[in-house]
Amino acid sequence: MKINTDNNFIDEMLSCFYNNESAVVATIVHTRGSTPRKEGAKMLIRKDGSFSGTIGGGCGESEVWQKAMEVFELGETTFLSVDLTEPVDGVDKVCGGVMDIMLERLDP
């Protein structure tokens, strides 16, 4: 698996810790088919709902964001499969794969 070493992502995570804030990190751990990002892509979600990084945008990122809000409350690492194969009403999808994503809460 390729690890995301984006300095902006690391700076954002360090900023959360410096400000004594928890964050949820979403990491793509496995993909099947055509997906916008591959294994190792990360997204950092803050409790206020803001985020940095990307796991591909659109509906998939929305699902991850919603699950991240649950992870803040439960505090437990969880996994989510984002299926990009089903058509959305009236919108053609570029991708046609599935992403398995790990969401973990990191506390300072």
Protein backbone atom coordinates (compact mmCIF):
# COMPACT_ATOMS: atom_id res chain seq x y z
CA MET A 1 0.00 0.00 0.00
CA LYS A 2 1.31 3.46 -0.87
CA ILE A 3 1.30 5.86 2.08
CA ASN A 4 0.09 9.42 1.52
CA THR A 5 2.97 11.72 2.42
CA ASP A 6 1.28 14.95 1.37
CA ASN A 7 2.83 17.63 3.59
CA ASN A 8 -0.42 19.62 3.64
CA PHE A 9 -2.25 16.60 5.05
CA ILE A 10 0.41 16.12 7.73
CA ASP A 11 0.34 19.84 8.56
CA GLU A 12 -3.44 19.69 8.97
CA MET A 13 -3.21 16.67 11.26
CA LEU A 14 -0.51 18.34 13.36
CA SER A 15 -2.64 21.48 13.55
CA CYS A 16 -5.51 19.44 15.00
CA PHE A 17 -3.23 17.97 17.63
CA TYR A 18 -1.64 21.35 18.42
CA ASN A 19 -5.16 22.74 19.00
CA ASN A 20 -6.06 19.70 21.14
CA GLU A 21 -8.67 18.53 18.61
CA SER A 22 -9.47 14.99 17.57
CA ALA A 23 -9.66 14.10 13.89
CA VAL A 24 -10.88 11.16 11.86
CA VAL A 25 -8.56 9.86 9.17
CA ALA A 26 -10.17 8.00 6.29
CA THR A 27 -7.74 5.80 4.35
CA ILE A 28 -8.48 3.77 1.24
CA VAL A 29 -7.24 0.29 2.10
CA HIS A 30 -8.47 -1.64 -0.95
CA THR A 31 -10.05 -0.92 -4.33
CA ARG A 32 -11.76 -3.03 -6.96
CA GLY A 33 -12.48 -1.79 -10.47
CA SER A 34 -12.21 1.82 -11.56
CA THR A 35 -11.97 4.27 -8.65
CA PRO A 36 -10.94 7.93 -8.50
CA ARG A 37 -8.16 7.26 -5.96
CA LYS A 38 -6.21 4.16 -5.00
CA GLU A 39 -4.93 2.50 -1.82
CA GLY A 40 -3.22 4.86 0.59
CA ALA A 41 -5.23 7.98 -0.32
CA LYS A 42 -6.28 9.84 2.82
CA MET A 43 -8.81 12.38 3.97
CA LEU A 44 -8.74 14.11 7.36
CA ILE A 45 -12.12 15.11 8.81
CA ARG A 46 -12.46 17.51 11.73
CA LYS A 47 -15.30 17.46 14.25
CA ASP A 48 -16.60 20.77 12.85
CA GLY A 49 -17.11 18.99 9.51
CA SER A 50 -14.26 20.62 7.63
CA PHE A 51 -11.76 18.34 5.91
CA SER A 52 -8.54 18.18 3.95
CA GLY A 53 -7.21 15.63 1.53
CA THR A 54 -9.46 13.56 -0.70
CA ILE A 55 -10.47 9.99 -1.34
CA GLY A 56 -12.08 10.92 -4.65
CA GLY A 57 -14.81 13.50 -4.18
CA GLY A 58 -18.54 13.39 -4.81
CA CYS A 59 -20.98 10.91 -3.33
CA GLY A 60 -18.25 8.63 -2.03
CA GLU A 61 -16.67 11.38 0.00
CA SER A 62 -20.09 12.34 1.34
CA GLU A 63 -20.62 8.77 2.63
CA VAL A 64 -17.19 8.83 4.29
CA TRP A 65 -17.89 12.24 5.87
CA GLN A 66 -21.18 10.97 7.35
CA LYS A 67 -19.50 7.85 8.74
CA ALA A 68 -16.69 9.99 10.18
CA MET A 69 -19.23 11.93 12.25
CA GLU A 70 -20.30 8.59 13.78
CA VAL A 71 -16.67 7.65 14.46
CA PHE A 72 -16.24 10.88 16.45
CA GLU A 73 -19.07 9.77 18.73
CA LEU A 74 -18.17 6.07 19.02
CA GLY A 75 -14.39 6.46 19.01
CA GLU A 76 -13.93 3.08 17.35
CA THR A 77 -12.10 2.33 14.11
CA THR A 78 -14.54 1.19 11.47
CA PHE A 79 -14.60 0.20 7.83
CA LEU A 80 -16.86 1.35 5.02
CA SER A 81 -17.26 0.09 1.47
CA VAL A 82 -18.13 2.80 -1.03
CA ASP A 83 -19.79 1.33 -4.10
CA LEU A 84 -19.36 3.51 -7.18
CA THR A 85 -21.00 1.04 -9.55
CA GLU A 86 -24.64 2.02 -9.04
CA PRO A 87 -25.98 4.89 -11.17
CA VAL A 88 -27.23 8.04 -9.46
CA ASP A 89 -30.52 9.44 -10.82
CA GLY A 90 -29.74 11.35 -14.00
CA VAL A 91 -25.97 11.44 -13.45
CA ASP A 92 -23.38 9.31 -15.23
CA LYS A 93 -20.53 8.15 -13.03
CA VAL A 94 -17.00 8.13 -14.37
CA CYS A 95 -15.94 5.36 -11.98
CA GLY A 96 -17.34 1.89 -11.69
CA GLY A 97 -15.51 0.31 -8.77
CA VAL A 98 -15.61 -0.18 -5.03
CA MET A 99 -13.38 1.41 -2.38
CA ASP A 100 -12.88 -0.10 1.08
CA ILE A 101 -12.08 2.66 3.54
CA MET A 102 -10.80 2.53 7.11
CA LEU A 103 -11.91 5.36 9.39
CA GLU A 104 -10.04 5.89 12.63
CA ARG A 105 -10.29 8.61 15.24
CA LEU A 106 -6.99 10.11 16.29
CA ASP A 107 -6.84 11.94 19.58
CA PRO A 108 -4.09 14.35 20.64
